[in-house]
Amino acid sequence: MSRSTNQKVLPGSYGIINQMKYEVANEFGITNYDAVDKGSLTSRDNGYIGGNITKRLVALGQQAMINQGQQAINQTQQIDLETTQQTY
Protein backbone atom coordinates (compact mmCIF):
# COMPACT_ATOMS: atom_id res chain seq x y z
CA MET A 1 0.00 0.00 0.00
CA SER A 2 1.36 3.37 -0.98
CA ARG A 3 1.85 5.91 1.78
CA SER A 4 2.37 8.79 -0.59
CA THR A 5 0.42 11.93 0.20
CA ASN A 6 1.39 13.54 -3.09
CA GLN A 7 -1.50 14.91 -5.07
CA LYS A 8 -1.49 15.13 -8.84
CA VAL A 9 -1.34 18.72 -10.09
CA LEU A 10 -3.33 17.65 -13.14
CA PRO A 11 -5.34 14.53 -12.21
CA GLY A 12 -6.04 13.75 -15.87
CA SER A 13 -2.34 13.06 -16.42
CA TYR A 14 -2.33 9.94 -14.22
CA GLY A 15 -2.77 7.44 -17.05
CA ILE A 16 -0.14 9.03 -19.25
CA ILE A 17 2.45 9.18 -16.47
CA ASN A 18 1.63 5.60 -15.51
CA GLN A 19 2.21 4.52 -19.12
CA MET A 20 5.54 6.36 -19.09
CA LYS A 21 6.47 4.53 -15.88
CA TYR A 22 5.86 1.13 -17.52
CA GLU A 23 7.84 2.13 -20.63
CA VAL A 24 10.83 3.24 -18.56
CA ALA A 25 10.67 0.07 -16.45
CA ASN A 26 10.49 -2.03 -19.62
CA GLU A 27 13.56 -0.26 -21.01
CA PHE A 28 15.32 -1.09 -17.75
CA GLY A 29 14.42 -4.77 -18.22
CA ILE A 30 11.45 -5.02 -15.87
CA THR A 31 8.79 -6.30 -18.25
CA ASN A 32 6.00 -6.99 -15.73
CA TYR A 33 6.33 -3.78 -13.68
CA ASP A 34 2.61 -3.59 -12.90
CA ALA A 35 2.75 -7.03 -11.20
CA VAL A 36 6.08 -6.51 -9.41
CA ASP A 37 6.10 -5.83 -5.67
CA LYS A 38 7.75 -2.40 -5.74
CA GLY A 39 9.14 -2.99 -2.25
CA SER A 40 11.20 -5.88 -3.58
CA LEU A 41 13.01 -3.63 -6.07
CA THR A 42 16.23 -1.96 -5.05
CA SER A 43 16.37 1.75 -4.32
CA ARG A 44 18.55 2.08 -7.40
CA ASP A 45 15.89 0.45 -9.61
CA ASN A 46 13.07 2.58 -8.23
CA GLY A 47 15.22 5.71 -8.41
CA TYR A 48 16.20 4.99 -11.99
CA ILE A 49 12.57 4.67 -13.04
CA GLY A 50 11.45 7.81 -11.18
CA GLY A 51 14.48 9.80 -12.27
CA ASN A 52 13.96 8.96 -15.92
CA ILE A 53 10.28 9.91 -15.72
CA THR A 54 11.35 13.28 -14.29
CA LYS A 55 13.95 13.77 -17.04
CA ARG A 56 11.33 13.04 -19.69
CA LEU A 57 8.77 15.39 -18.14
CA VAL A 58 11.36 18.18 -17.96
CA ALA A 59 12.31 17.54 -21.59
CA LEU A 60 8.63 17.70 -22.60
CA GLY A 61 8.26 21.02 -20.78
CA GLN A 62 11.39 22.43 -22.36
CA GLN A 63 10.24 21.33 -25.81
CA ALA A 64 6.86 22.98 -25.24
CA MET A 65 8.59 26.23 -24.28
CA ILE A 66 10.75 26.06 -27.40
CA ASN A 67 7.76 25.36 -29.64
CA GLN A 68 5.20 27.62 -28.01
CA GLY A 69 7.34 30.23 -26.27
CA GLN A 70 5.46 32.58 -23.96
CA GLN A 71 2.17 30.77 -24.59
CA ALA A 72 3.52 27.65 -22.83
CA ILE A 73 4.63 29.74 -19.86
CA ASN A 74 1.24 31.46 -19.67
CA GLN A 75 -0.50 28.08 -19.60
CA THR A 76 1.32 27.16 -16.41
CA GLN A 77 -0.16 30.22 -14.70
CA GLN A 78 -3.61 28.68 -15.17
CA ILE A 79 -2.63 25.65 -13.07
CA ASP A 80 -3.45 25.99 -9.39
CA LEU A 81 -0.15 25.23 -7.68
CA GLU A 82 0.04 25.43 -3.94
CA THR A 83 3.03 27.60 -3.22
CA THR A 84 4.35 28.10 0.25
CA GLN A 85 7.39 29.96 1.38
CA GLN A 86 9.65 28.22 3.84
CA THR A 87 12.03 29.98 6.14
CA TYR A 88 15.22 28.24 7.10
C-alpha atoms as a PDB file:
ATOM      1  CA  MET A   1       0.000   0.000   0.000  1.00  0.00           C
ATOM      2  CA  SER A   2       1.360   3.368  -0.981  1.00  0.00           C
ATOM      3  CA  ARG A   3       1.849   5.908   1.784  1.00  0.00           C
ATOM      4  CA  SER A   4       2.373   8.788  -0.594  1.00  0.00           C
ATOM      5  CA  THR A   5       0.423  11.926   0.196  1.00  0.00           C
ATOM      6  CA  ASN A   6       1.395  13.539  -3.093  1.00  0.00           C
ATOM      7  CA  GLN A   7      -1.501  14.912  -5.068  1.00  0.00           C
ATOM      8  CA  LYS A   8      -1.493  15.133  -8.841  1.00  0.00           C
ATOM      9  CA  VAL A   9      -1.338  18.717 -10.087  1.00  0.00           C
ATOM     10  CA  LEU A  10      -3.330  17.652 -13.140  1.00  0.00           C
ATOM     11  CA  PRO A  11      -5.340  14.527 -12.212  1.00  0.00           C
ATOM     12  CA  GLY A  12      -6.040  13.753 -15.874  1.00  0.00           C
ATOM     13  CA  SER A  13      -2.336  13.060 -16.415  1.00  0.00           C
ATOM     14  CA  TYR A  14      -2.331   9.944 -14.217  1.00  0.00           C
ATOM     15  CA  GLY A  15      -2.771   7.441 -17.054  1.00  0.00           C
ATOM     16  CA  ILE A  16      -0.137   9.034 -19.246  1.00  0.00           C
ATOM     17  CA  ILE A  17       2.446   9.182 -16.468  1.00  0.00           C
ATOM     18  CA  ASN A  18       1.629   5.599 -15.512  1.00  0.00           C
ATOM     19  CA  GLN A  19       2.213   4.524 -19.117  1.00  0.00           C
ATOM     20  CA  MET A  20       5.541   6.364 -19.093  1.00  0.00           C
ATOM     21  CA  LYS A  21       6.470   4.526 -15.881  1.00  0.00           C
ATOM     22  CA  TYR A  22       5.860   1.131 -17.523  1.00  0.00           C
ATOM     23  CA  GLU A  23       7.835   2.132 -20.626  1.00  0.00           C
ATOM     24  CA  VAL A  24      10.834   3.244 -18.560  1.00  0.00           C
ATOM     25  CA  ALA A  25      10.672   0.067 -16.446  1.00  0.00           C
ATOM     26  CA  ASN A  26      10.492  -2.026 -19.619  1.00  0.00           C
ATOM     27  CA  GLU A  27      13.563  -0.256 -21.007  1.00  0.00           C
ATOM     28  CA  PHE A  28      15.324  -1.092 -17.753  1.00  0.00           C
ATOM     29  CA  GLY A  29      14.418  -4.774 -18.219  1.00  0.00           C
ATOM     30  CA  ILE A  30      11.446  -5.017 -15.873  1.00  0.00           C
ATOM     31  CA  THR A  31       8.793  -6.304 -18.252  1.00  0.00           C
ATOM     32  CA  ASN A  32       6.002  -6.987 -15.733  1.00  0.00           C
ATOM     33  CA  TYR A  33       6.330  -3.785 -13.677  1.00  0.00           C
ATOM     34  CA  ASP A  34       2.606  -3.594 -12.900  1.00  0.00           C
ATOM     35  CA  ALA A  35       2.751  -7.026 -11.204  1.00  0.00           C
ATOM     36  CA  VAL A  36       6.078  -6.506  -9.405  1.00  0.00           C
ATOM     37  CA  ASP A  37       6.099  -5.827  -5.672  1.00  0.00           C
ATOM     38  CA  LYS A  38       7.754  -2.403  -5.741  1.00  0.00           C
ATOM     39  CA  GLY A  39       9.138  -2.986  -2.249  1.00  0.00           C
ATOM     40  CA  SER A  40      11.196  -5.876  -3.582  1.00  0.00           C
ATOM     41  CA  LEU A  41      13.006  -3.631  -6.069  1.00  0.00           C
ATOM     42  CA  THR A  42      16.228  -1.963  -5.046  1.00  0.00           C
ATOM     43  CA  SER A  43      16.367   1.750  -4.323  1.00  0.00           C
ATOM     44  CA  ARG A  44      18.550   2.079  -7.402  1.00  0.00           C
ATOM     45  CA  ASP A  45      15.890   0.447  -9.607  1.00  0.00           C
ATOM     46  CA  ASN A  46      13.069   2.580  -8.231  1.00  0.00           C
ATOM     47  CA  GLY A  47      15.225   5.710  -8.413  1.00  0.00           C
ATOM     48  CA  TYR A  48      16.201   4.986 -11.990  1.00  0.00           C
ATOM     49  CA  ILE A  49      12.571   4.673 -13.043  1.00  0.00           C
ATOM     50  CA  GLY A  50      11.448   7.806 -11.181  1.00  0.00           C
ATOM     51  CA  GLY A  51      14.481   9.797 -12.274  1.00  0.00           C
ATOM     52  CA  ASN A  52      13.958   8.965 -15.917  1.00  0.00           C
ATOM     53  CA  ILE A  53      10.282   9.914 -15.717  1.00  0.00           C
ATOM     54  CA  THR A  54      11.349  13.283 -14.290  1.00  0.00           C
ATOM     55  CA  LYS A  55      13.945  13.770 -17.041  1.00  0.00           C
ATOM     56  CA  ARG A  56      11.331  13.038 -19.693  1.00  0.00           C
ATOM     57  CA  LEU A  57       8.774  15.391 -18.141  1.00  0.00           C
ATOM     58  CA  VAL A  58      11.357  18.184 -17.960  1.00  0.00           C
ATOM     59  CA  ALA A  59      12.312  17.541 -21.590  1.00  0.00           C
ATOM     60  CA  LEU A  60       8.635  17.704 -22.597  1.00  0.00           C
ATOM     61  CA  GLY A  61       8.260  21.021 -20.783  1.00  0.00           C
ATOM     62  CA  GLN A  62      11.387  22.432 -22.361  1.00  0.00           C
ATOM     63  CA  GLN A  63      10.243  21.331 -25.813  1.00  0.00           C
ATOM     64  CA  ALA A  64       6.858  22.977 -25.237  1.00  0.00           C
ATOM     65  CA  MET A  65       8.593  26.232 -24.283  1.00  0.00           C
ATOM     66  CA  ILE A  66      10.754  26.063 -27.400  1.00  0.00           C
ATOM     67  CA  ASN A  67       7.763  25.364 -29.640  1.00  0.00           C
ATOM     68  CA  GLN A  68       5.195  27.621 -28.005  1.00  0.00           C
ATOM     69  CA  GLY A  69       7.336  30.227 -26.269  1.00  0.00           C
ATOM     70  CA  GLN A  70       5.461  32.579 -23.962  1.00  0.00           C
ATOM     71  CA  GLN A  71       2.166  30.774 -24.590  1.00  0.00           C
ATOM     72  CA  ALA A  72       3.517  27.647 -22.830  1.00  0.00           C
ATOM     73  CA  ILE A  73       4.627  29.736 -19.859  1.00  0.00           C
ATOM     74  CA  ASN A  74       1.241  31.460 -19.669  1.00  0.00           C
ATOM     75  CA  GLN A  75      -0.501  28.083 -19.598  1.00  0.00           C
ATOM     76  CA  THR A  76       1.323  27.163 -16.405  1.00  0.00           C
ATOM     77  CA  GLN A  77      -0.157  30.224 -14.703  1.00  0.00           C
ATOM     78  CA  GLN A  78      -3.610  28.678 -15.170  1.00  0.00           C
ATOM     79  CA  ILE A  79      -2.632  25.649 -13.067  1.00  0.00           C
ATOM     80  CA  ASP A  80      -3.454  25.989  -9.390  1.00  0.00           C
ATOM     81  CA  LEU A  81      -0.149  25.228  -7.683  1.00  0.00           C
ATOM     82  CA  GLU A  82       0.036  25.429  -3.942  1.00  0.00           C
ATOM     83  CA  THR A  83       3.030  27.602  -3.218  1.00  0.00           C
ATOM     84  CA  THR A  84       4.353  28.102   0.254  1.00  0.00           C
ATOM     85  CA  GLN A  85       7.390  29.956   1.377  1.00  0.00           C
ATOM     86  CA  GLN A  86       9.651  28.217   3.837  1.00  0.00           C
ATOM     87  CA  THR A  87      12.034  29.984   6.143  1.00  0.00           C
ATOM     88  CA  TYR A  88      15.218  28.239   7.103  1.00  0.00           C
END
